[in-house]
């Protein structure tokens, strides 16, 4: 199997997350009006890291945190031969008039974020929705969606694949670029 080119090394990985946290704090003076929602599955891993670092930085100031499953909001849900396995949604608060930051590992076509924006409407009407991702693949958007916060921007061809590896799931924190689609991802 191809090794892939390292875009963000394990040494830079935590620094990138800290930078993203500082950007959030710069833009959200009233942290109690903030909701951070990780998109299942791999977006939750990034959202957990963001949450932990923000809590360390701001102390006991509360902000809402949740995990969102978008399976039944996807536009390709009924187009697959094998049903998609749903994860669970854990949002025990209303997002009414709150600033929501949706978190996913990679922003590519925008379809996942589009589905997430539809799904969170079940929890109220947010004041504002922003997008945070570790990797912004800027080519080939299907929807006019942009990342407000991103770790790294990657301009790669459609055949290329970007994968965010997580220590707790993949053994090491890093971001890799593969020249073609890889199996078992």
Protein backbone atom coordinates (compact mmCIF):
# COMPACT_ATOMS: atom_id res chain seq x y z
CA UNK A 1 0.00 0.00 0.00
CA UNK A 2 1.20 3.48 -0.86
CA UNK A 3 2.64 5.44 2.07
CA UNK A 4 1.37 8.82 0.99
CA UNK A 5 3.05 12.18 1.38
CA UNK A 6 2.91 13.71 4.85
CA UNK A 7 1.23 17.13 4.70
CA UNK A 8 1.06 17.74 8.46
CA UNK A 9 3.49 15.81 10.62
CA UNK A 10 2.70 14.65 14.13
CA UNK A 11 4.89 17.49 15.47
CA UNK A 12 2.83 20.15 13.64
CA UNK A 13 -0.51 18.47 14.27
CA UNK A 14 -1.03 19.77 17.81
CA UNK A 15 0.24 23.23 16.86
CA UNK A 16 -2.35 23.34 14.09
CA UNK A 17 -5.13 22.46 16.52
CA UNK A 18 -3.93 25.13 18.96
CA UNK A 19 -3.93 27.71 16.15
CA UNK A 20 -7.51 26.78 15.27
CA UNK A 21 -8.52 27.20 18.93
CA UNK A 22 -6.92 30.65 19.08
CA UNK A 23 -8.78 31.66 15.93
CA UNK A 24 -12.07 30.55 17.48
CA UNK A 25 -11.38 32.59 20.63
CA UNK A 26 -10.44 35.64 18.55
CA UNK A 27 -13.77 35.47 16.71
CA UNK A 28 -16.05 34.48 19.59
CA UNK A 29 -15.80 36.86 22.53
CA UNK A 30 -18.92 35.39 24.15
CA UNK A 31 -17.96 31.73 24.42
CA UNK A 32 -21.22 30.88 26.20
CA UNK A 33 -23.05 31.58 22.90
CA UNK A 34 -20.90 29.02 21.06
CA UNK A 35 -21.80 25.46 20.04
CA UNK A 36 -19.14 23.14 18.68
CA UNK A 37 -20.62 20.18 16.83
CA UNK A 38 -18.49 17.37 15.45
CA UNK A 39 -19.77 15.53 12.38
CA UNK A 40 -19.70 11.75 12.93
CA UNK A 41 -17.37 9.94 12.64
CA UNK A 42 -13.99 11.50 12.00
CA UNK A 43 -15.11 15.08 12.56
CA UNK A 44 -15.84 14.15 16.15
CA UNK A 45 -12.18 13.26 16.68
CA UNK A 46 -11.15 16.79 15.68
CA UNK A 47 -14.04 18.35 17.63
CA UNK A 48 -12.95 16.47 20.77
CA UNK A 49 -9.43 17.88 20.44
CA UNK A 50 -10.78 21.40 19.84
CA UNK A 51 -13.04 21.04 22.89
CA UNK A 52 -10.24 19.80 25.16
CA UNK A 53 -7.87 22.58 24.12
CA UNK A 54 -10.51 25.31 24.43
CA UNK A 55 -11.47 24.10 27.89
CA UNK A 56 -7.82 24.23 28.93
CA UNK A 57 -7.43 27.74 27.47
CA UNK A 58 -10.60 29.32 28.88
CA UNK A 59 -11.03 27.40 32.11
CA UNK A 60 -14.53 26.86 33.38
CA UNK A 61 -16.39 29.08 30.90
CA UNK A 62 -19.11 26.85 29.44
CA UNK A 63 -19.90 26.27 25.79
CA UNK A 64 -22.11 23.64 24.19
CA UNK A 65 -20.62 20.59 22.54
CA UNK A 66 -22.28 17.86 20.52
CA UNK A 67 -21.88 15.08 17.97
CA UNK A 68 -24.02 14.94 14.85
CA UNK A 69 -24.84 11.97 12.63
CA UNK A 70 -25.86 13.00 9.10
CA UNK A 71 -26.55 9.56 7.62
CA UNK A 72 -30.23 10.12 6.87
CA UNK A 73 -29.64 13.67 5.61
CA UNK A 74 -27.14 12.67 2.93
CA UNK A 75 -28.26 13.11 -0.67
CA UNK A 76 -26.76 9.72 -1.59
CA UNK A 77 -28.37 7.77 1.26
CA UNK A 78 -30.71 5.79 -1.01
CA UNK A 79 -28.28 5.55 -3.92
CA UNK A 80 -25.93 3.01 -2.37
CA UNK A 81 -26.05 -0.76 -2.80
CA UNK A 82 -24.95 -1.34 0.80
CA UNK A 83 -26.75 0.72 3.46
CA UNK A 84 -24.66 3.27 5.31
CA UNK A 85 -24.07 2.46 8.97
CA UNK A 86 -25.50 5.24 11.10
CA UNK A 87 -23.66 6.67 14.09
CA UNK A 88 -25.42 8.41 16.94
CA UNK A 89 -26.27 12.05 17.50
CA UNK A 90 -25.56 13.52 20.95
CA UNK A 91 -26.91 17.05 21.15
CA UNK A 92 -28.70 17.77 24.41
CA UNK A 93 -29.17 21.50 23.88
CA UNK A 94 -30.93 23.85 21.50
CA UNK A 95 -28.88 25.82 19.02
CA UNK A 96 -31.46 28.60 18.80
CA UNK A 97 -29.66 31.97 18.38
CA UNK A 98 -26.26 30.37 19.02
CA UNK A 99 -23.07 30.49 16.96
CA UNK A 100 -22.49 26.98 15.65
CA UNK A 101 -19.14 25.67 14.47
CA UNK A 102 -19.50 22.47 12.47
CA UNK A 103 -16.34 20.36 12.62
CA UNK A 104 -15.15 17.73 10.13
CA UNK A 105 -11.72 16.35 9.31
CA UNK A 106 -11.75 17.08 5.55
CA UNK A 107 -13.87 19.54 3.56
CA UNK A 108 -14.03 18.42 -0.06
CA UNK A 109 -17.25 18.60 -2.10
CA UNK A 110 -19.31 20.27 0.63
CA UNK A 111 -21.97 17.56 0.57
CA UNK A 112 -21.28 16.45 4.15
CA UNK A 113 -21.53 20.01 5.44
CA UNK A 114 -24.70 20.56 3.43
CA UNK A 115 -26.25 17.48 5.07
CA UNK A 116 -25.03 18.64 8.51
CA UNK A 117 -26.65 22.06 8.05
CA UNK A 118 -29.94 20.32 7.24
CA UNK A 119 -29.61 18.02 10.26
CA UNK A 120 -28.91 20.74 12.82
CA UNK A 121 -32.11 22.53 11.87
CA UNK A 122 -33.85 19.90 14.03
CA UNK A 123 -32.21 21.55 17.06
CA UNK A 124 -33.27 25.15 16.41
CA UNK A 125 -32.33 28.09 14.26
CA UNK A 126 -28.70 29.11 14.77
CA UNK A 127 -27.59 32.72 14.72
CA UNK A 128 -24.61 31.76 12.56
CA UNK A 129 -22.99 28.59 11.21
CA UNK A 130 -19.25 28.34 10.61
CA UNK A 131 -17.12 25.46 9.32
CA UNK A 132 -13.89 24.15 10.83
CA UNK A 133 -11.81 21.40 9.25
CA UNK A 134 -8.29 20.09 9.47
CA UNK A 135 -7.96 19.89 5.65
CA UNK A 136 -9.69 22.14 3.13
CA UNK A 137 -9.59 20.48 -0.30
CA UNK A 138 -10.41 23.57 -2.30
CA UNK A 139 -11.03 21.95 -5.68
CA UNK A 140 -14.27 20.31 -6.80
CA UNK A 141 -16.87 21.89 -4.50
CA UNK A 142 -20.41 20.79 -5.33
CA UNK A 143 -21.98 23.37 -3.00
CA UNK A 144 -20.95 26.98 -2.27
CA UNK A 145 -19.49 26.08 1.12
CA UNK A 146 -16.20 27.33 2.52
CA UNK A 147 -14.11 26.65 5.59
CA UNK A 148 -14.01 29.49 8.10
CA UNK A 149 -11.19 27.75 10.00
CA UNK A 150 -8.84 25.19 8.49
CA UNK A 151 -5.55 23.57 9.38
CA UNK A 152 -4.18 23.29 5.87
CA UNK A 153 -5.49 23.97 2.36
CA UNK A 154 -4.74 21.32 -0.24
CA UNK A 155 -5.09 21.73 -3.98
CA UNK A 156 -5.16 18.15 -5.24
CA UNK A 157 -6.60 16.40 -8.27
CA UNK A 158 -9.81 14.38 -7.98
CA UNK A 159 -7.88 11.10 -8.02
CA UNK A 160 -5.89 12.16 -4.97
CA UNK A 161 -7.05 11.27 -1.49
CA UNK A 162 -6.36 13.15 1.74
CA UNK A 163 -6.57 11.30 5.05
CA UNK A 164 -6.34 12.69 8.56
CA UNK A 165 -4.86 10.08 10.88
CA UNK A 166 -5.67 10.23 14.59
CA UNK A 167 -3.48 8.81 17.32
CA UNK A 168 -6.41 7.15 19.11
CA UNK A 169 -7.76 5.55 15.92
CA UNK A 170 -4.84 5.22 13.49
CA UNK A 171 -1.80 5.17 15.78
CA UNK A 172 -0.38 8.60 14.91
CA UNK A 173 -1.54 12.18 14.43
CA UNK A 174 -0.78 13.27 10.87
CA UNK A 175 -2.30 14.26 7.55
CA UNK A 176 -1.30 12.37 4.40
CA UNK A 177 -1.92 12.90 0.69
CA UNK A 178 -2.24 9.83 -1.52
CA UNK A 179 -1.96 9.98 -5.30
CA UNK A 180 -5.02 7.74 -5.77
CA UNK A 181 -7.93 6.31 -3.82
CA UNK A 182 -6.72 3.84 -1.20
CA UNK A 183 -8.55 0.76 0.01
CA UNK A 184 -10.00 0.27 3.48
CA UNK A 185 -10.74 3.94 4.13
